[in-house]
Each structure stands twice: as C-alpha cells, then as structure tokens.
C-alpha cells in the first residue's frame, strides 16, 4: 500500500484447485484486482461440491473480521 492508497479493496471469493471435473475450492480473501486462482491474502475456509450434500468449512471469526474491515 502506498500513502495514496490507504484502503485496499478486497473480496471474499473461491479459488479453484483439484483436478479436472473434481474441483475443490478454497474460500480466500483476495485483492479485487488479483486473478481468480492467483495471489490471495488469507485462506479462511474450503468448499467441496463433490460430496453429497456439498461441504462448506469457514472460519467464521476470520470471515467476520474481513467483512468488517472491507
């Protein structure tokens, strides 16, 4: 961050990993300008759509922190 850019725009989103047709996603906090599977700030959980029902694991404390910080 520079002195001109005091606030960084971040998003909570999914980053894909795994193999073809068996994707697993990490729930990550990333800079809004970063590519989908690129650089991220923090991993706060995971999402597995391959299980029945789909499993979602998220660290609620860290997610709330990032929602409040923006």
Protein backbone atom coordinates (compact mmCIF):
# COMPACT_ATOMS: atom_id res chain seq x y z
CA UNK A 1 0.00 0.00 0.00
CA UNK A 2 1.17 3.47 -0.79
CA UNK A 3 0.42 6.68 1.06
CA UNK A 4 -2.12 7.50 -1.66
CA UNK A 5 -3.91 4.14 -1.47
CA UNK A 6 -4.78 3.77 2.21
CA UNK A 7 -7.60 1.30 1.66
CA UNK A 8 -7.25 -1.92 -0.29
CA UNK A 9 -10.33 -3.29 -2.00
CA UNK A 10 -10.65 -6.95 -1.01
CA UNK A 11 -13.16 -9.66 -1.88
CA UNK A 12 -14.06 -12.98 -0.29
CA UNK A 13 -14.20 -15.48 -3.13
CA UNK A 14 -13.46 -19.03 -4.27
CA UNK A 15 -10.09 -20.18 -5.62
CA UNK A 16 -10.26 -23.41 -7.62
CA UNK A 17 -7.96 -26.36 -7.01
CA UNK A 18 -8.13 -30.10 -7.59
CA UNK A 19 -8.21 -31.99 -10.84
CA UNK A 20 -10.42 -31.87 -13.91
CA UNK A 21 -14.13 -32.44 -13.08
CA UNK A 22 -13.23 -32.98 -9.38
CA UNK A 23 -12.78 -29.39 -8.28
CA UNK A 24 -12.35 -28.30 -4.68
CA UNK A 25 -12.45 -24.63 -3.82
CA UNK A 26 -10.67 -22.59 -1.15
CA UNK A 27 -12.57 -19.65 0.34
CA UNK A 28 -9.98 -16.87 0.25
CA UNK A 29 -9.67 -13.17 0.91
CA UNK A 30 -8.01 -11.59 -2.12
CA UNK A 31 -7.28 -8.20 -3.59
CA UNK A 32 -10.07 -7.31 -6.02
CA UNK A 33 -7.54 -6.93 -8.86
CA UNK A 34 -5.91 -10.36 -8.36
CA UNK A 35 -6.78 -13.24 -10.72
CA UNK A 36 -9.17 -15.98 -9.53
CA UNK A 37 -6.53 -18.58 -8.68
CA UNK A 38 -3.74 -16.08 -8.12
CA UNK A 39 -2.37 -14.29 -5.13
CA UNK A 40 -4.55 -14.14 -2.02
CA UNK A 41 -4.20 -12.56 1.41
CA UNK A 42 -5.65 -15.29 3.62
CA UNK A 43 -7.41 -18.66 3.28
CA UNK A 44 -10.49 -18.68 5.52
CA UNK A 45 -12.17 -21.93 4.52
CA UNK A 46 -12.96 -24.55 1.91
CA UNK A 47 -15.89 -25.68 -0.23
CA UNK A 48 -16.25 -29.19 -1.66
CA UNK A 49 -19.15 -29.56 -4.13
CA UNK A 50 -18.27 -33.22 -4.80
CA UNK A 51 -19.75 -34.53 -1.53
CA UNK A 52 -23.46 -35.11 -1.09
CA UNK A 53 -24.52 -32.65 0.31
CA UNK A 54 -21.76 -30.17 -0.55
CA UNK A 55 -19.49 -29.43 2.43
CA UNK A 56 -18.55 -25.91 3.45
CA UNK A 57 -15.99 -25.14 6.16
CA UNK A 58 -15.42 -21.48 7.02
CA UNK A 59 -13.61 -19.82 9.92
CA UNK A 60 -16.45 -17.51 10.98
CA UNK A 61 -14.26 -15.26 13.14
CA UNK A 62 -11.84 -14.51 10.31
CA UNK A 63 -14.67 -14.04 7.78
CA UNK A 64 -16.40 -11.55 10.08
CA UNK A 65 -13.11 -9.70 10.58
CA UNK A 66 -12.68 -9.28 6.83
CA UNK A 67 -16.32 -8.27 6.32
CA UNK A 68 -15.95 -5.54 8.94
CA UNK A 69 -12.58 -4.37 7.60
CA UNK A 70 -13.76 -4.24 4.00
